[in-house]
Amino acid sequence: MNIYELTTSQKNTIDKAKKIYGEYWKDEIRKGWRTGVYRWGLDSDEIAELQRMRNTIGNKGLELIK
């Protein structure tokens, strides 16, 4: 699997982040990646998924997600 191909779980988590954070969702994810703290709306499994994504795709991969 290409590191930029998202799993179903990753896609679902990104879709939820888009709904919660709106047009600035990537900025909010980057803040969470830097601090480990995410604003309201995501559960612990989704936060863990985002942290795994930070470790695998990083900022470069995040930029490729539409």
C-alpha atoms as a PDB file:
ATOM      1  CA  MET A   1       0.000   0.000   0.000  1.00  0.00           C
ATOM      2  CA  ASN A   2       1.211   3.476  -0.869  1.00  0.00           C
ATOM      3  CA  ILE A   3       1.613   5.558   2.297  1.00  0.00           C
ATOM      4  CA  TYR A   4      -0.707   8.156   0.769  1.00  0.00           C
ATOM      5  CA  GLU A   5      -3.550   5.680   0.209  1.00  0.00           C
ATOM      6  CA  LEU A   6      -5.915   5.968   3.142  1.00  0.00           C
ATOM      7  CA  THR A   7      -7.579   3.021   4.802  1.00  0.00           C
ATOM      8  CA  THR A   8     -11.341   3.064   5.332  1.00  0.00           C
ATOM      9  CA  SER A   9     -10.808   3.975   8.984  1.00  0.00           C
ATOM     10  CA  GLN A  10      -8.514   6.853   8.041  1.00  0.00           C
ATOM     11  CA  LYS A  11     -10.986   8.127   5.426  1.00  0.00           C
ATOM     12  CA  ASN A  12     -13.819   7.998   7.956  1.00  0.00           C
ATOM     13  CA  THR A  13     -11.751   9.904  10.514  1.00  0.00           C
ATOM     14  CA  ILE A  14     -10.756  12.555   7.970  1.00  0.00           C
ATOM     15  CA  ASP A  15     -14.370  12.920   6.841  1.00  0.00           C
ATOM     16  CA  LYS A  16     -15.457  13.471  10.445  1.00  0.00           C
ATOM     17  CA  ALA A  17     -12.679  16.025  11.002  1.00  0.00           C
ATOM     18  CA  LYS A  18     -13.822  17.878   7.871  1.00  0.00           C
ATOM     19  CA  LYS A  19     -17.373  18.058   9.227  1.00  0.00           C
ATOM     20  CA  ILE A  20     -16.260  19.199  12.680  1.00  0.00           C
ATOM     21  CA  TYR A  21     -13.542  21.688  11.729  1.00  0.00           C
ATOM     22  CA  GLY A  22     -14.907  22.990   8.428  1.00  0.00           C
ATOM     23  CA  GLU A  23     -12.679  24.613   5.855  1.00  0.00           C
ATOM     24  CA  TYR A  24      -9.743  24.789   8.291  1.00  0.00           C
ATOM     25  CA  TRP A  25      -9.714  21.057   9.016  1.00  0.00           C
ATOM     26  CA  LYS A  26      -6.109  20.565   7.873  1.00  0.00           C
ATOM     27  CA  ASP A  27      -4.913  23.342  10.179  1.00  0.00           C
ATOM     28  CA  GLU A  28      -6.727  21.741  13.110  1.00  0.00           C
ATOM     29  CA  ILE A  29      -5.224  18.332  12.344  1.00  0.00           C
ATOM     30  CA  ARG A  30      -1.733  19.848  12.118  1.00  0.00           C
ATOM     31  CA  LYS A  31      -2.235  21.521  15.515  1.00  0.00           C
ATOM     32  CA  GLY A  32      -3.288  18.179  16.951  1.00  0.00           C
ATOM     33  CA  TRP A  33      -0.273  16.502  15.417  1.00  0.00           C
ATOM     34  CA  ARG A  34       2.038  19.055  17.000  1.00  0.00           C
ATOM     35  CA  THR A  35       0.430  19.064  20.426  1.00  0.00           C
ATOM     36  CA  GLY A  36      -1.391  15.738  20.729  1.00  0.00           C
ATOM     37  CA  VAL A  37      -4.466  17.752  21.759  1.00  0.00           C
ATOM     38  CA  TYR A  38      -7.532  17.890  19.546  1.00  0.00           C
ATOM     39  CA  ARG A  39     -10.531  20.136  19.937  1.00  0.00           C
ATOM     40  CA  TRP A  40     -13.920  18.647  20.767  1.00  0.00           C
ATOM     41  CA  GLY A  41     -15.736  16.162  18.573  1.00  0.00           C
ATOM     42  CA  LEU A  42     -13.288  13.322  18.051  1.00  0.00           C
ATOM     43  CA  ASP A  43     -13.245  10.202  20.182  1.00  0.00           C
ATOM     44  CA  SER A  44     -10.110   8.492  21.451  1.00  0.00           C
ATOM     45  CA  ASP A  45     -10.036   5.959  18.586  1.00  0.00           C
ATOM     46  CA  GLU A  46     -10.232   8.743  16.007  1.00  0.00           C
ATOM     47  CA  ILE A  47      -7.495  10.694  17.752  1.00  0.00           C
ATOM     48  CA  ALA A  48      -5.328   7.571  17.786  1.00  0.00           C
ATOM     49  CA  GLU A  49      -6.002   7.142  14.057  1.00  0.00           C
ATOM     50  CA  LEU A  50      -4.901  10.724  13.381  1.00  0.00           C
ATOM     51  CA  GLN A  51      -1.737  10.209  15.403  1.00  0.00           C
ATOM     52  CA  ARG A  52      -0.950   7.062  13.382  1.00  0.00           C
ATOM     53  CA  MET A  53      -1.495   9.079  10.213  1.00  0.00           C
ATOM     54  CA  ARG A  54       0.955  11.689  11.495  1.00  0.00           C
ATOM     55  CA  ASN A  55       3.537   8.933  11.863  1.00  0.00           C
ATOM     56  CA  THR A  56       2.908   7.435   8.419  1.00  0.00           C
ATOM     57  CA  ILE A  57       1.850  10.136   5.954  1.00  0.00           C
ATOM     58  CA  GLY A  58       2.867  13.292   7.804  1.00  0.00           C
ATOM     59  CA  ASN A  59       2.258  16.808   6.522  1.00  0.00           C
ATOM     60  CA  LYS A  60       3.185  15.909   2.959  1.00  0.00           C
ATOM     61  CA  GLY A  61       0.511  13.237   2.830  1.00  0.00           C
ATOM     62  CA  LEU A  62      -2.033  15.487   4.531  1.00  0.00           C
ATOM     63  CA  GLU A  63      -1.556  18.068   1.789  1.00  0.00           C
ATOM     64  CA  LEU A  64      -2.507  15.458  -0.815  1.00  0.00           C
ATOM     65  CA  ILE A  65      -5.856  14.704   0.818  1.00  0.00           C
ATOM     66  CA  LYS A  66      -8.795  16.562  -0.710  1.00  0.00           C
END
